[in-house]
PDB file of N, CA and C in Angstrom:
ATOM      1  N   MET A   1      31.931  18.474  56.403  1.00  0.00           N
ATOM      2  CA  MET A   1      31.421  18.913  54.994  1.00  0.00           C
ATOM      3  C   MET A   1      29.937  18.712  55.073  1.00  0.00           C
ATOM      4  N   HIS A   2      29.198  19.473  54.268  1.00  0.00           N
ATOM      5  CA  HIS A   2      27.718  19.039  54.036  1.00  0.00           C
ATOM      6  C   HIS A   2      27.478  18.209  52.739  1.00  0.00           C
ATOM      7  N   VAL A   3      27.084  17.038  53.004  1.00  0.00           N
ATOM      8  CA  VAL A   3      26.779  16.181  51.946  1.00  0.00           C
ATOM      9  C   VAL A   3      25.367  16.581  51.553  1.00  0.00           C
ATOM     10  N   ILE A   4      25.112  17.155  50.395  1.00  0.00           N
ATOM     11  CA  ILE A   4      23.849  17.797  50.055  1.00  0.00           C
ATOM     12  C   ILE A   4      22.594  16.679  50.118  1.00  0.00           C
ATOM     13  N   SER A   5      22.855  15.569  49.810  1.00  0.00           N
ATOM     14  CA  SER A   5      21.746  14.464  49.870  1.00  0.00           C
ATOM     15  C   SER A   5      22.315  13.265  50.073  1.00  0.00           C
ATOM     16  N   LYS A   6      21.621  12.451  51.080  1.00  0.00           N
ATOM     17  CA  LYS A   6      22.016  10.809  51.401  1.00  0.00           C
ATOM     18  C   LYS A   6      21.501  10.137  50.437  1.00  0.00           C
ATOM     19  N   ARG A   7      20.538  10.577  49.603  1.00  0.00           N
ATOM     20  CA  ARG A   7      19.775   9.626  48.766  1.00  0.00           C
ATOM     21  C   ARG A   7      20.510   8.896  47.717  1.00  0.00           C
ATOM     22  N   PRO A   8      21.800   9.468  47.084  1.00  0.00           N
ATOM     23  CA  PRO A   8      22.519   8.550  46.305  1.00  0.00           C
ATOM     24  C   PRO A   8      23.370   7.422  47.083  1.00  0.00           C
ATOM     25  N   PHE A   9      23.434   7.538  48.363  1.00  0.00           N
ATOM     26  CA  PHE A   9      24.246   6.483  49.020  1.00  0.00           C
ATOM     27  C   PHE A   9      23.136   5.376  49.288  1.00  0.00           C
ATOM     28  N   LYS A  10      21.802   5.908  49.531  1.00  0.00           N
ATOM     29  CA  LYS A  10      20.700   4.791  49.888  1.00  0.00           C
ATOM     30  C   LYS A  10      20.555   4.216  48.586  1.00  0.00           C
ATOM     31  N   GLU A  11      20.330   4.727  47.513  1.00  0.00           N
ATOM     32  CA  GLU A  11      20.188   4.031  46.163  1.00  0.00           C
ATOM     33  C   GLU A  11      21.122   3.227  45.811  1.00  0.00           C
ATOM     34  N   ALA A  12      22.470   3.561  45.970  1.00  0.00           N
ATOM     35  CA  ALA A  12      23.608   2.649  45.712  1.00  0.00           C
ATOM     36  C   ALA A  12      23.686   1.487  46.750  1.00  0.00           C
ATOM     37  N   SER A  13      23.259   1.617  47.998  1.00  0.00           N
ATOM     38  CA  SER A  13      23.219   0.575  48.969  1.00  0.00           C
ATOM     39  C   SER A  13      22.019  -0.435  48.495  1.00  0.00           C
ATOM     40  N   LYS A  14      20.993  -0.146  47.903  1.00  0.00           N
ATOM     41  CA  LYS A  14      20.330  -1.135  47.357  1.00  0.00           C
ATOM     42  C   LYS A  14      20.594  -1.759  46.110  1.00  0.00           C
ATOM     43  N   ARG A  15      21.396  -0.963  45.213  1.00  0.00           N
ATOM     44  CA  ARG A  15      21.886  -1.417  44.031  1.00  0.00           C
ATOM     45  C   ARG A  15      23.116  -2.440  44.266  1.00  0.00           C
ATOM     46  N   TYR A  16      23.987  -2.244  45.326  1.00  0.00           N
ATOM     47  CA  TYR A  16      25.046  -2.848  45.554  1.00  0.00           C
ATOM     48  C   TYR A  16      24.890  -3.280  47.153  1.00  0.00           C
ATOM     49  N   PRO A  17      24.164  -4.134  47.541  1.00  0.00           N
ATOM     50  CA  PRO A  17      24.161  -4.510  48.986  1.00  0.00           C
ATOM     51  C   PRO A  17      25.224  -5.091  49.722  1.00  0.00           C
ATOM     52  N   ASN A  18      26.283  -5.370  48.824  1.00  0.00           N
ATOM     53  CA  ASN A  18      27.534  -6.042  49.495  1.00  0.00           C
ATOM     54  C   ASN A  18      28.385  -4.956  49.757  1.00  0.00           C
ATOM     55  N   GLN A  19      28.221  -3.634  49.353  1.00  0.00           N
ATOM     56  CA  GLN A  19      28.839  -2.447  49.687  1.00  0.00           C
ATOM     57  C   GLN A  19      28.384  -1.474  50.685  1.00  0.00           C
ATOM     58  N   LYS A  20      27.092  -1.875  51.118  1.00  0.00           N
ATOM     59  CA  LYS A  20      26.271  -1.036  52.035  1.00  0.00           C
ATOM     60  C   LYS A  20      27.041  -0.493  53.079  1.00  0.00           C
ATOM     61  N   GLN A  21      27.734  -1.263  53.872  1.00  0.00           N
ATOM     62  CA  GLN A  21      28.617  -0.771  55.014  1.00  0.00           C
ATOM     63  C   GLN A  21      29.789   0.238  54.559  1.00  0.00           C
ATOM     64  N   ALA A  22      30.364  -0.135  53.315  1.00  0.00           N
ATOM     65  CA  ALA A  22      31.483   0.913  52.870  1.00  0.00           C
ATOM     66  C   ALA A  22      30.845   2.275  52.398  1.00  0.00           C
ATOM     67  N   LEU A  23      29.533   2.069  51.799  1.00  0.00           N
ATOM     68  CA  LEU A  23      28.872   3.313  51.526  1.00  0.00           C
ATOM     69  C   LEU A  23      28.521   4.160  52.663  1.00  0.00           C
ATOM     70  N   ASN A  24      28.074   3.515  53.856  1.00  0.00           N
ATOM     71  CA  ASN A  24      27.600   4.260  55.006  1.00  0.00           C
ATOM     72  C   ASN A  24      28.937   4.864  55.631  1.00  0.00           C
ATOM     73  N   ASP A  25      30.008   4.072  55.745  1.00  0.00           N
ATOM     74  CA  ASP A  25      31.177   4.561  56.170  1.00  0.00           C
ATOM     75  C   ASP A  25      31.810   5.859  55.422  1.00  0.00           C
ATOM     76  N   LEU A  26      31.741   5.677  54.107  1.00  0.00           N
ATOM     77  CA  LEU A  26      32.141   7.006  53.412  1.00  0.00           C
ATOM     78  C   LEU A  26      31.343   8.214  53.550  1.00  0.00           C
ATOM     79  N   TYR A  27      29.993   7.952  53.581  1.00  0.00           N
ATOM     80  CA  TYR A  27      29.121   8.964  53.940  1.00  0.00           C
ATOM     81  C   TYR A  27      29.442   9.674  55.142  1.00  0.00           C
ATOM     82  N   GLN A  28      29.733   8.858  56.224  1.00  0.00           N
ATOM     83  CA  GLN A  28      29.956   9.392  57.523  1.00  0.00           C
ATOM     84  C   GLN A  28      31.288  10.354  57.461  1.00  0.00           C
ATOM     85  N   ILE A  29      32.228   9.759  56.901  1.00  0.00           N
ATOM     86  CA  ILE A  29      33.535  10.313  56.781  1.00  0.00           C
ATOM     87  C   ILE A  29      33.385  11.604  56.055  1.00  0.00           C
ATOM     88  N   LEU A  30      32.647  11.643  54.907  1.00  0.00           N
ATOM     89  CA  LEU A  30      32.316  12.865  54.281  1.00  0.00           C
ATOM     90  C   LEU A  30      31.529  13.822  54.859  1.00  0.00           C
ATOM     91  N   ASN A  31      30.585  13.465  55.605  1.00  0.00           N
ATOM     92  CA  ASN A  31      29.597  14.264  56.427  1.00  0.00           C
ATOM     93  C   ASN A  31      30.238  14.990  57.528  1.00  0.00           C
ATOM     94  N   LYS A  32      31.126  14.220  58.235  1.00  0.00           N
ATOM     95  CA  LYS A  32      31.736  14.717  59.517  1.00  0.00           C
ATOM     96  C   LYS A  32      33.034  15.410  59.226  1.00  0.00           C
ATOM     97  N   GLY A  33      33.736  15.136  58.085  1.00  0.00           N
ATOM     98  CA  GLY A  33      34.834  15.602  57.799  1.00  0.00           C
ATOM     99  C   GLY A  33      34.838  17.218  57.507  1.00  0.00           C
ATOM    100  N   ALA A  34      36.076  17.839  57.820  1.00  0.00           N
ATOM    101  CA  ALA A  34      36.409  19.124  57.568  1.00  0.00           C
ATOM    102  C   ALA A  34      37.398  19.202  56.727  1.00  0.00           C
ATOM    103  N   PHE A  35      37.229  19.300  55.544  1.00  0.00           N
ATOM    104  CA  PHE A  35      38.152  19.385  54.474  1.00  0.00           C
ATOM    105  C   PHE A  35      38.078  20.608  53.661  1.00  0.00           C
ATOM    106  N   SER A  36      39.126  21.565  53.820  1.00  0.00           N
ATOM    107  CA  SER A  36      38.989  22.760  52.995  1.00  0.00           C
ATOM    108  C   SER A  36      39.731  22.837  51.674  1.00  0.00           C
ATOM    109  N   THR A  37      40.509  21.605  51.449  1.00  0.00           N
ATOM    110  CA  THR A  37      41.342  21.556  50.263  1.00  0.00           C
ATOM    111  C   THR A  37      41.419  20.049  49.900  1.00  0.00           C
ATOM    112  N   PRO A  38      41.482  19.879  48.604  1.00  0.00           N
ATOM    113  CA  PRO A  38      41.703  18.427  48.162  1.00  0.00           C
ATOM    114  C   PRO A  38      42.788  17.714  48.920  1.00  0.00           C
ATOM    115  N   ASP A  39      43.969  18.330  49.133  1.00  0.00           N
ATOM    116  CA  ASP A  39      44.986  17.718  49.840  1.00  0.00           C
ATOM    117  C   ASP A  39      44.611  17.200  51.277  1.00  0.00           C
ATOM    118  N   GLN A  40      43.830  18.102  51.910  1.00  0.00           N
ATOM    119  CA  GLN A  40      43.281  17.615  53.260  1.00  0.00           C
ATOM    120  C   GLN A  40      42.457  16.386  53.264  1.00  0.00           C
ATOM    121  N   MET A  41      41.510  16.403  52.100  1.00  0.00           N
ATOM    122  CA  MET A  41      40.665  15.328  52.033  1.00  0.00           C
ATOM    123  C   MET A  41      41.586  14.091  51.714  1.00  0.00           C
ATOM    124  N   ARG A  42      42.501  14.358  50.907  1.00  0.00           N
ATOM    125  CA  ARG A  42      43.379  13.126  50.459  1.00  0.00           C
ATOM    126  C   ARG A  42      44.149  12.378  51.616  1.00  0.00           C
ATOM    127  N   LYS A  43      44.369  13.224  52.690  1.00  0.00           N
ATOM    128  CA  LYS A  43      44.933  12.610  53.742  1.00  0.00           C
ATOM    129  C   LYS A  43      43.950  11.445  54.419  1.00  0.00           C
ATOM    130  N   THR A  44      42.795  11.576  54.424  1.00  0.00           N
ATOM    131  CA  THR A  44      41.809  10.882  55.026  1.00  0.00           C
ATOM    132  C   THR A  44      41.374   9.658  53.899  1.00  0.00           C
ATOM    133  N   LEU A  45      41.111  10.252  52.669  1.00  0.00           N
ATOM    134  CA  LEU A  45      40.603   9.561  51.586  1.00  0.00           C
ATOM    135  C   LEU A  45      41.588   9.647  50.358  1.00  0.00           C
ATOM    136  N   PRO A  46      42.515   8.642  50.476  1.00  0.00           N
ATOM    137  CA  PRO A  46      43.830   8.767  49.521  1.00  0.00           C
ATOM    138  C   PRO A  46      43.428   8.552  48.123  1.00  0.00           C
ATOM    139  N   SER A  47      42.259   7.863  47.755  1.00  0.00           N
ATOM    140  CA  SER A  47      41.810   7.560  46.539  1.00  0.00           C
ATOM    141  C   SER A  47      41.399   8.845  45.759  1.00  0.00           C
ATOM    142  N   LEU A  48      41.154  10.068  46.488  1.00  0.00           N
ATOM    143  CA  LEU A  48      40.832  11.001  45.831  1.00  0.00           C
ATOM    144  C   LEU A  48      41.412  11.514  44.608  1.00  0.00           C
ATOM    145  N   ASP A  49      40.670  11.653  43.535  1.00  0.00           N
ATOM    146  CA  ASP A  49      41.262  12.110  42.246  1.00  0.00           C
ATOM    147  C   ASP A  49      40.374  12.985  41.331  1.00  0.00           C
ATOM    148  N   ASN A  50      40.841  13.758  40.596  1.00  0.00           N
ATOM    149  CA  ASN A  50      40.269  14.579  39.562  1.00  0.00           C
ATOM    150  C   ASN A  50      39.440  13.978  38.702  1.00  0.00           C
ATOM    151  N   PHE A  51      38.266  14.167  38.198  1.00  0.00           N
ATOM    152  CA  PHE A  51      37.376  13.667  37.216  1.00  0.00           C
ATOM    153  C   PHE A  51      37.709  14.624  35.994  1.00  0.00           C
ATOM    154  N   LYS A  52      38.334  14.153  35.012  1.00  0.00           N
ATOM    155  CA  LYS A  52      38.969  14.987  34.073  1.00  0.00           C
ATOM    156  C   LYS A  52      38.006  15.638  33.162  1.00  0.00           C
ATOM    157  N   TYR A  53      36.653  15.198  33.075  1.00  0.00           N
ATOM    158  CA  TYR A  53      35.717  15.655  32.175  1.00  0.00           C
ATOM    159  C   TYR A  53      35.025  16.950  32.804  1.00  0.00           C
ATOM    160  N   LYS A  54      35.103  17.064  34.112  1.00  0.00           N
ATOM    161  CA  LYS A  54      34.455  18.297  34.575  1.00  0.00           C
ATOM    162  C   LYS A  54      35.156  19.054  35.638  1.00  0.00           C
ATOM    163  N   ASP A  55      35.165  20.313  35.527  1.00  0.00           N
ATOM    164  CA  ASP A  55      35.955  21.088  36.406  1.00  0.00           C
ATOM    165  C   ASP A  55      35.360  20.844  38.011  1.00  0.00           C
ATOM    166  N   LYS A  56      36.100  20.815  39.064  1.00  0.00           N
ATOM    167  CA  LYS A  56      35.547  20.759  40.297  1.00  0.00           C
ATOM    168  C   LYS A  56      34.849  19.463  40.619  1.00  0.00           C
ATOM    169  N   TRP A  57      34.917  18.479  39.766  1.00  0.00           N
ATOM    170  CA  TRP A  57      34.303  17.175  40.042  1.00  0.00           C
ATOM    171  C   TRP A  57      35.441  16.275  40.456  1.00  0.00           C
ATOM    172  N   TRP A  58      35.084  15.323  41.309  1.00  0.00           N
ATOM    173  CA  TRP A  58      36.269  14.452  41.930  1.00  0.00           C
ATOM    174  C   TRP A  58      35.638  13.081  42.061  1.00  0.00           C
ATOM    175  N   ILE A  59      36.573  12.060  42.019  1.00  0.00           N
ATOM    176  CA  ILE A  59      36.367  10.662  42.144  1.00  0.00           C
ATOM    177  C   ILE A  59      36.903  10.059  43.448  1.00  0.00           C
ATOM    178  N   LEU A  60      36.188   9.191  44.141  1.00  0.00           N
ATOM    179  CA  LEU A  60      36.448   8.420  45.248  1.00  0.00           C
ATOM    180  C   LEU A  60      36.283   7.068  44.929  1.00  0.00           C
ATOM    181  N   ASP A  61      37.173   6.136  45.498  1.00  0.00           N
ATOM    182  CA  ASP A  61      37.066   4.790  45.401  1.00  0.00           C
ATOM    183  C   ASP A  61      36.144   4.331  46.676  1.00  0.00           C
ATOM    184  N   VAL A  62      35.168   3.474  46.572  1.00  0.00           N
ATOM    185  CA  VAL A  62      34.376   3.113  47.728  1.00  0.00           C
ATOM    186  C   VAL A  62      34.576   1.468  47.876  1.00  0.00           C
ATOM    187  N   GLY A  63      34.710   1.135  49.001  1.00  0.00           N
ATOM    188  CA  GLY A  63      34.716  -0.216  49.373  1.00  0.00           C
ATOM    189  C   GLY A  63      35.866  -1.146  48.809  1.00  0.00           C
ATOM    190  N   GLY A  64      37.068  -0.506  48.895  1.00  0.00           N
ATOM    191  CA  GLY A  64      38.210  -1.177  48.490  1.00  0.00           C
ATOM    192  C   GLY A  64      38.314  -1.154  46.918  1.00  0.00           C
ATOM    193  N   ASN A  65      37.916  -0.053  46.379  1.00  0.00           N
ATOM    194  CA  ASN A  65      37.926   0.023  44.889  1.00  0.00           C
ATOM    195  C   ASN A  65      36.830  -0.718  44.094  1.00  0.00           C
ATOM    196  N   ASN A  66      35.691  -1.083  44.916  1.00  0.00           N
ATOM    197  CA  ASN A  66      34.642  -1.982  44.164  1.00  0.00           C
ATOM    198  C   ASN A  66      33.686  -0.920  43.502  1.00  0.00           C
ATOM    199  N   LEU A  67      33.514   0.321  44.015  1.00  0.00           N
ATOM    200  CA  LEU A  67      32.654   1.276  43.379  1.00  0.00           C
ATOM    201  C   LEU A  67      33.318   2.585  43.072  1.00  0.00           C
ATOM    202  N   ARG A  68      32.847   3.541  42.416  1.00  0.00           N
ATOM    203  CA  ARG A  68      33.372   4.723  42.256  1.00  0.00           C
ATOM    204  C   ARG A  68      32.191   5.741  42.449  1.00  0.00           C
ATOM    205  N   LEU A  69      32.586   6.840  43.299  1.00  0.00           N
ATOM    206  CA  LEU A  69      31.794   7.900  43.565  1.00  0.00           C
ATOM    207  C   LEU A  69      32.281   9.172  42.812  1.00  0.00           C
ATOM    208  N   ILE A  70      31.408   9.850  41.982  1.00  0.00           N
ATOM    209  CA  ILE A  70      31.791  10.926  41.354  1.00  0.00           C
ATOM    210  C   ILE A  70      30.953  12.141  41.971  1.00  0.00           C
ATOM    211  N   ALA A  71      31.529  13.204  42.319  1.00  0.00           N
ATOM    212  CA  ALA A  71      31.017  14.351  42.947  1.00  0.00           C
ATOM    213  C   ALA A  71      31.450  15.711  42.611  1.00  0.00           C
ATOM    214  N   PHE A  72      30.617  16.614  42.820  1.00  0.00           N
ATOM    215  CA  PHE A  72      31.087  18.042  42.657  1.00  0.00           C
ATOM    216  C   PHE A  72      31.247  18.363  43.944  1.00  0.00           C
ATOM    217  N   ILE A  73      32.485  18.971  44.317  1.00  0.00           N
ATOM    218  CA  ILE A  73      33.009  19.263  45.635  1.00  0.00           C
ATOM    219  C   ILE A  73      33.278  20.739  45.562  1.00  0.00           C
ATOM    220  N   GLN A  74      32.615  21.654  46.488  1.00  0.00           N
ATOM    221  CA  GLN A  74      33.075  22.855  46.833  1.00  0.00           C
ATOM    222  C   GLN A  74      33.899  23.064  48.114  1.00  0.00           C
ATOM    223  N   PHE A  75      35.145  22.820  48.108  1.00  0.00           N
ATOM    224  CA  PHE A  75      35.920  22.957  49.207  1.00  0.00           C
ATOM    225  C   PHE A  75      35.668  23.944  50.196  1.00  0.00           C
ATOM    226  N   VAL A  76      35.627  25.250  49.653  1.00  0.00           N
ATOM    227  CA  VAL A  76      35.657  26.488  50.454  1.00  0.00           C
ATOM    228  C   VAL A  76      34.204  26.586  50.993  1.00  0.00           C
ATOM    229  N   GLN A  77      33.163  26.308  50.444  1.00  0.00           N
ATOM    230  CA  GLN A  77      31.880  26.279  50.835  1.00  0.00           C
ATOM    231  C   GLN A  77      31.525  25.044  51.723  1.00  0.00           C
ATOM    232  N   SER A  78      32.477  24.086  51.622  1.00  0.00           N
ATOM    233  CA  SER A  78      32.228  22.666  52.436  1.00  0.00           C
ATOM    234  C   SER A  78      30.871  22.094  51.803  1.00  0.00           C
ATOM    235  N   ARG A  79      30.777  21.898  50.750  1.00  0.00           N
ATOM    236  CA  ARG A  79      29.616  21.174  50.175  1.00  0.00           C
ATOM    237  C   ARG A  79      30.073  20.078  49.125  1.00  0.00           C
ATOM    238  N   ILE A  80      29.281  18.944  49.311  1.00  0.00           N
ATOM    239  CA  ILE A  80      29.528  17.821  48.223  1.00  0.00           C
ATOM    240  C   ILE A  80      28.254  17.649  47.663  1.00  0.00           C
ATOM    241  N   TYR A  81      28.161  17.615  46.371  1.00  0.00           N
ATOM    242  CA  TYR A  81      26.878  17.239  45.464  1.00  0.00           C
ATOM    243  C   TYR A  81      27.308  15.793  44.943  1.00  0.00           C
ATOM    244  N   VAL A  82      26.816  14.722  45.333  1.00  0.00           N
ATOM    245  CA  VAL A  82      27.147  13.383  44.770  1.00  0.00           C
ATOM    246  C   VAL A  82      26.344  13.367  43.420  1.00  0.00           C
ATOM    247  N   LYS A  83      27.137  13.169  42.295  1.00  0.00           N
ATOM    248  CA  LYS A  83      26.566  12.905  40.974  1.00  0.00           C
ATOM    249  C   LYS A  83      26.192  11.449  40.530  1.00  0.00           C
ATOM    250  N   HIS A  84      27.135  10.591  40.741  1.00  0.00           N
ATOM    251  CA  HIS A  84      27.221   9.222  40.398  1.00  0.00           C
ATOM    252  C   HIS A  84      27.800   8.326  41.589  1.00  0.00           C
ATOM    253  N   ILE A  85      27.272   7.105  41.787  1.00  0.00           N
ATOM    254  CA  ILE A  85      27.909   6.130  42.528  1.00  0.00           C
ATOM    255  C   ILE A  85      27.738   4.906  41.519  1.00  0.00           C
ATOM    256  N   ALA A  86      28.788   4.318  41.181  1.00  0.00           N
ATOM    257  CA  ALA A  86      28.698   3.248  40.039  1.00  0.00           C
ATOM    258  C   ALA A  86      29.894   2.236  40.334  1.00  0.00           C
ATOM    259  N   SER A  87      29.534   1.116  39.520  1.00  0.00           N
ATOM    260  CA  SER A  87      30.541  -0.031  39.511  1.00  0.00           C
ATOM    261  C   SER A  87      31.627   0.588  38.541  1.00  0.00           C
ATOM    262  N   HIS A  88      32.747  -0.101  38.446  1.00  0.00           N
ATOM    263  CA  HIS A  88      33.703   0.373  37.559  1.00  0.00           C
ATOM    264  C   HIS A  88      33.410   0.122  36.118  1.00  0.00           C
ATOM    265  N   ALA A  89      32.517  -0.733  35.705  1.00  0.00           N
ATOM    266  CA  ALA A  89      32.107  -0.928  34.342  1.00  0.00           C
ATOM    267  C   ALA A  89      31.240   0.297  33.972  1.00  0.00           C
ATOM    268  N   GLU A  90      30.232   0.622  34.937  1.00  0.00           N
ATOM    269  CA  GLU A  90      29.335   1.761  34.829  1.00  0.00           C
ATOM    270  C   GLU A  90      30.093   3.078  34.668  1.00  0.00           C
ATOM    271  N   TYR A  91      31.212   3.095  35.592  1.00  0.00           N
ATOM    272  CA  TYR A  91      31.961   4.305  35.566  1.00  0.00           C
ATOM    273  C   TYR A  91      32.695   4.476  34.234  1.00  0.00           C
ATOM    274  N   ASP A  92      33.190   3.383  33.674  1.00  0.00           N
ATOM    275  CA  ASP A  92      33.690   3.534  32.290  1.00  0.00           C
ATOM    276  C   ASP A  92      32.759   4.031  31.201  1.00  0.00           C
ATOM    277  N   LYS A  93      31.511   3.583  31.438  1.00  0.00           N
ATOM    278  CA  LYS A  93      30.429   4.178  30.364  1.00  0.00           C
ATOM    279  C   LYS A  93      30.150   5.598  30.693  1.00  0.00           C
ATOM    280  N   ILE A  94      30.094   5.925  31.980  1.00  0.00           N
ATOM    281  CA  ILE A  94      29.905   7.470  32.456  1.00  0.00           C
ATOM    282  C   ILE A  94      30.963   8.304  31.762  1.00  0.00           C
ATOM    283  N   CYS A  95      32.193   7.904  32.065  1.00  0.00           N
ATOM    284  CA  CYS A  95      33.315   8.653  31.519  1.00  0.00           C
ATOM    285  C   CYS A  95      33.109   8.770  29.971  1.00  0.00           C
ATOM    286  N   LYS A  96      32.799   7.688  29.282  1.00  0.00           N
ATOM    287  CA  LYS A  96      32.768   7.839  27.842  1.00  0.00           C
ATOM    288  C   LYS A  96      31.648   8.730  27.415  1.00  0.00           C
ATOM    289  N   ARG A  97      30.523   8.788  28.146  1.00  0.00           N
ATOM    290  CA  ARG A  97      29.514   9.675  27.731  1.00  0.00           C
ATOM    291  C   ARG A  97      29.797  11.166  28.006  1.00  0.00           C
ATOM    292  N   TYR A  98      30.610  11.385  29.033  1.00  0.00           N
ATOM    293  CA  TYR A  98      31.105  12.787  29.307  1.00  0.00           C
ATOM    294  C   TYR A  98      32.112  13.120  28.304  1.00  0.00           C
ATOM    295  N   ALA A  99      32.947  12.280  27.983  1.00  0.00           N
ATOM    296  CA  ALA A  99      33.955  12.497  26.966  1.00  0.00           C
ATOM    297  C   ALA A  99      33.240  12.879  25.691  1.00  0.00           C
ATOM    298  N   GLN A 100      32.361  12.264  25.234  1.00  0.00           N
ATOM    299  CA  GLN A 100      31.698  12.477  23.955  1.00  0.00           C
ATOM    300  C   GLN A 100      30.648  13.706  23.925  1.00  0.00           C
ATOM    301  N   GLY A 101      30.410  14.206  25.271  1.00  0.00           N
ATOM    302  CA  GLY A 101      29.598  15.305  25.357  1.00  0.00           C
ATOM    303  C   GLY A 101      28.193  14.984  25.460  1.00  0.00           C
ATOM    304  N   GLY A 102      27.951  13.591  25.871  1.00  0.00           N
ATOM    305  CA  GLY A 102      26.468  13.119  26.094  1.00  0.00           C
ATOM    306  C   GLY A 102      25.887  13.467  27.362  1.00  0.00           C
ATOM    307  N   LEU A 103      26.622  13.754  28.382  1.00  0.00           N
ATOM    308  CA  LEU A 103      26.333  14.162  29.689  1.00  0.00           C
ATOM    309  C   LEU A 103      26.838  15.543  29.994  1.00  0.00           C
ATOM    310  N   LYS A 104      25.994  16.329  30.834  1.00  0.00           N
ATOM    311  CA  LYS A 104      26.575  17.754  31.150  1.00  0.00           C
ATOM    312  C   LYS A 104      26.770  17.746  32.663  1.00  0.00           C
TER     313      LYS A 104
END
């Protein structure tokens, strides 16, 4: 798949230095993976789940569930647009803002 930008991974590695290796590993899996459906991706990344506030947005756990990655994934076009990489506390705040319509 084509991860549109590595920048979110680099920024998250700086914010969460203990998760740097897990972030790099996930980037490599996503970038080298050939997933044409969510079910195919789930075989490699079983934590894949729908982000209920946005259509075609998905959630992945990072580093043994220490961080959450939120991305818009186009499986047919094989593209991943990372929107957020956050701790669980930050993820909860992000979800609340999307639920209230504060983020688009």
